[in-house]
Amino acid sequence: MAEVSRILTALGLVVASVGFTVYGIGSAFVDPGGFQVTLGLVMMIAGVIGAAVGIVMSKRIPEEE
């Protein structure tokens, strides 16, 4: 279970970062692209939630020796 929490944390942070980039690309134009802005926001929110769940999971699991 410790590996799952690490993977979920790393994947959540990456998805949130990519979502931030996609949001920036979508809002950089004079006429903002609705699809890119929406996709970026969804990716940022999902990534932050995934990273938070992974961090909480890693703190709740006892250390393996």
N, C-alpha and C. Protein backbone atom coordinates (compact mmCIF):
# COMPACT_ATOMS: atom_id res chain seq x y z
N MET A 1 0.82 -1.20 0.00
CA MET A 1 0.00 0.00 0.00
C MET A 1 0.86 1.26 0.00
N ALA A 2 2.07 1.17 0.53
CA ALA A 2 2.94 2.34 0.56
C ALA A 2 3.32 2.77 -0.85
N GLU A 3 3.51 1.80 -1.74
CA GLU A 3 3.86 2.14 -3.12
C GLU A 3 2.71 2.85 -3.82
N VAL A 4 1.49 2.41 -3.55
CA VAL A 4 0.32 3.04 -4.16
C VAL A 4 0.20 4.50 -3.72
N SER A 5 0.46 4.76 -2.45
CA SER A 5 0.37 6.13 -1.96
C SER A 5 1.45 7.01 -2.59
N ARG A 6 2.65 6.47 -2.78
CA ARG A 6 3.71 7.25 -3.42
C ARG A 6 3.39 7.54 -4.88
N ILE A 7 2.89 6.53 -5.57
CA ILE A 7 2.53 6.71 -6.98
C ILE A 7 1.39 7.71 -7.12
N LEU A 8 0.38 7.61 -6.26
CA LEU A 8 -0.75 8.52 -6.32
C LEU A 8 -0.32 9.96 -6.03
N THR A 9 0.58 10.13 -5.08
CA THR A 9 1.07 11.47 -4.77
C THR A 9 1.84 12.05 -5.95
N ALA A 10 2.74 11.28 -6.51
CA ALA A 10 3.54 11.76 -7.64
C ALA A 10 2.67 12.04 -8.86
N LEU A 11 1.76 11.13 -9.14
CA LEU A 11 0.89 11.30 -10.30
C LEU A 11 -0.03 12.51 -10.12
N GLY A 12 -0.54 12.71 -8.92
CA GLY A 12 -1.41 13.86 -8.65
C GLY A 12 -0.69 15.18 -8.84
N LEU A 13 0.56 15.25 -8.38
CA LEU A 13 1.32 16.49 -8.54
C LEU A 13 1.64 16.76 -10.01
N VAL A 14 1.93 15.73 -10.77
CA VAL A 14 2.22 15.90 -12.19
C VAL A 14 0.97 16.34 -12.94
N VAL A 15 -0.16 15.71 -12.65
CA VAL A 15 -1.41 16.07 -13.33
C VAL A 15 -1.80 17.51 -13.00
N ALA A 16 -1.60 17.93 -11.76
CA ALA A 16 -1.92 19.31 -11.39
C ALA A 16 -1.01 20.29 -12.12
N SER A 17 0.26 19.96 -12.28
CA SER A 17 1.18 20.84 -12.99
C SER A 17 0.84 20.94 -14.48
N VAL A 18 0.53 19.82 -15.08
CA VAL A 18 0.15 19.83 -16.50
C VAL A 18 -1.17 20.59 -16.67
N GLY A 19 -2.09 20.43 -15.74
CA GLY A 19 -3.35 21.17 -15.79
C GLY A 19 -3.12 22.68 -15.72
N PHE A 20 -2.18 23.09 -14.90
CA PHE A 20 -1.84 24.51 -14.79
C PHE A 20 -1.29 25.02 -16.12
N THR A 21 -0.45 24.21 -16.78
CA THR A 21 0.11 24.58 -18.07
C THR A 21 -0.98 24.68 -19.14
N VAL A 22 -1.87 23.69 -19.18
CA VAL A 22 -2.96 23.70 -20.16
C VAL A 22 -3.88 24.89 -19.92
N TYR A 23 -4.15 25.20 -18.67
CA TYR A 23 -4.97 26.37 -18.34
C TYR A 23 -4.30 27.65 -18.83
N GLY A 24 -2.99 27.76 -18.63
CA GLY A 24 -2.26 28.93 -19.09
C GLY A 24 -2.28 29.07 -20.59
N ILE A 25 -2.13 27.95 -21.30
CA ILE A 25 -2.19 27.99 -22.76
C ILE A 25 -3.58 28.42 -23.23
N GLY A 26 -4.61 27.89 -22.59
CA GLY A 26 -5.97 28.23 -23.00
C GLY A 26 -6.34 29.67 -22.73
N SER A 27 -5.80 30.25 -21.67
CA SER A 27 -6.17 31.62 -21.34
C SER A 27 -5.20 32.66 -21.90
N ALA A 28 -4.20 32.24 -22.65
CA ALA A 28 -3.20 33.17 -23.17
C ALA A 28 -3.67 33.92 -24.40
N PHE A 29 -4.71 33.45 -25.04
CA PHE A 29 -5.17 34.08 -26.27
C PHE A 29 -6.15 35.21 -25.96
N VAL A 30 -6.35 36.08 -26.96
CA VAL A 30 -7.31 37.18 -26.81
C VAL A 30 -8.70 36.61 -26.61
N ASP A 31 -9.04 35.57 -27.38
CA ASP A 31 -10.30 34.85 -27.22
C ASP A 31 -9.98 33.53 -26.53
N PRO A 32 -10.12 33.46 -25.20
CA PRO A 32 -9.70 32.25 -24.48
C PRO A 32 -10.42 31.01 -24.99
N GLY A 33 -9.65 29.92 -25.13
CA GLY A 33 -10.23 28.65 -25.55
C GLY A 33 -10.96 28.00 -24.41
N GLY A 34 -12.24 27.80 -24.57
CA GLY A 34 -13.06 27.24 -23.50
C GLY A 34 -12.66 25.83 -23.12
N PHE A 35 -12.32 25.02 -24.12
CA PHE A 35 -11.96 23.62 -23.85
C PHE A 35 -10.67 23.53 -23.04
N GLN A 36 -9.66 24.31 -23.43
CA GLN A 36 -8.38 24.25 -22.72
C GLN A 36 -8.51 24.78 -21.29
N VAL A 37 -9.27 25.82 -21.11
CA VAL A 37 -9.45 26.39 -19.77
C VAL A 37 -10.18 25.39 -18.88
N THR A 38 -11.25 24.80 -19.39
CA THR A 38 -12.02 23.83 -18.61
C THR A 38 -11.18 22.59 -18.31
N LEU A 39 -10.48 22.08 -19.31
CA LEU A 39 -9.63 20.90 -19.11
C LEU A 39 -8.53 21.18 -18.10
N GLY A 40 -7.93 22.36 -18.19
CA GLY A 40 -6.88 22.73 -17.24
C GLY A 40 -7.39 22.80 -15.81
N LEU A 41 -8.57 23.39 -15.63
CA LEU A 41 -9.14 23.47 -14.28
C LEU A 41 -9.47 22.09 -13.72
N VAL A 42 -10.04 21.23 -14.57
CA VAL A 42 -10.39 19.88 -14.12
C VAL A 42 -9.12 19.11 -13.75
N MET A 43 -8.08 19.24 -14.56
CA MET A 43 -6.83 18.53 -14.27
C MET A 43 -6.18 19.05 -12.99
N MET A 44 -6.22 20.37 -12.78
CA MET A 44 -5.64 20.92 -11.56
C MET A 44 -6.38 20.43 -10.32
N ILE A 45 -7.69 20.45 -10.37
CA ILE A 45 -8.48 20.01 -9.22
C ILE A 45 -8.28 18.52 -8.96
N ALA A 46 -8.33 17.71 -10.01
CA ALA A 46 -8.14 16.27 -9.85
C ALA A 46 -6.73 15.95 -9.35
N GLY A 47 -5.75 16.66 -9.84
CA GLY A 47 -4.38 16.43 -9.40
C GLY A 47 -4.15 16.79 -7.95
N VAL A 48 -4.71 17.89 -7.52
CA VAL A 48 -4.57 18.29 -6.11
C VAL A 48 -5.28 17.30 -5.19
N ILE A 49 -6.46 16.86 -5.59
CA ILE A 49 -7.19 15.87 -4.78
C ILE A 49 -6.41 14.56 -4.73
N GLY A 50 -5.89 14.11 -5.87
CA GLY A 50 -5.11 12.88 -5.90
C GLY A 50 -3.86 12.97 -5.05
N ALA A 51 -3.16 14.08 -5.13
CA ALA A 51 -1.95 14.26 -4.32
C ALA A 51 -2.29 14.29 -2.83
N ALA A 52 -3.38 14.96 -2.48
CA ALA A 52 -3.78 15.02 -1.07
C ALA A 52 -4.15 13.64 -0.54
N VAL A 53 -4.87 12.87 -1.34
CA VAL A 53 -5.23 11.50 -0.92
C VAL A 53 -3.98 10.65 -0.76
N GLY A 54 -3.03 10.78 -1.68
CA GLY A 54 -1.78 10.03 -1.58
C GLY A 54 -0.97 10.40 -0.35
N ILE A 55 -0.92 11.68 -0.02
CA ILE A 55 -0.18 12.11 1.17
C ILE A 55 -0.85 11.60 2.44
N VAL A 56 -2.17 11.69 2.49
CA VAL A 56 -2.89 11.19 3.67
C VAL A 56 -2.70 9.68 3.80
N MET A 57 -2.74 8.96 2.68
CA MET A 57 -2.52 7.52 2.72
C MET A 57 -1.12 7.18 3.24
N SER A 58 -0.14 7.92 2.80
CA SER A 58 1.23 7.63 3.22
C SER A 58 1.44 7.92 4.72
N LYS A 59 0.72 8.87 5.25
CA LYS A 59 0.84 9.18 6.69
C LYS A 59 0.09 8.17 7.55
N ARG A 60 -0.96 7.54 7.01
CA ARG A 60 -1.77 6.60 7.77
C ARG A 60 -1.19 5.18 7.79
N ILE A 61 -0.34 4.86 6.80
CA ILE A 61 0.22 3.52 6.70
C ILE A 61 1.45 3.43 7.61
N PRO A 62 1.52 2.39 8.44
CA PRO A 62 2.70 2.23 9.30
C PRO A 62 3.94 1.91 8.47
N GLU A 63 5.08 2.34 8.97
CA GLU A 63 6.35 2.10 8.28
C GLU A 63 6.67 0.62 8.24
N GLU A 64 7.15 0.17 7.08
CA GLU A 64 7.55 -1.22 6.92
C GLU A 64 9.06 -1.34 7.08
N GLU A 65 9.51 -2.27 7.85
CA GLU A 65 10.95 -2.45 8.09
C GLU A 65 11.45 -3.63 7.33
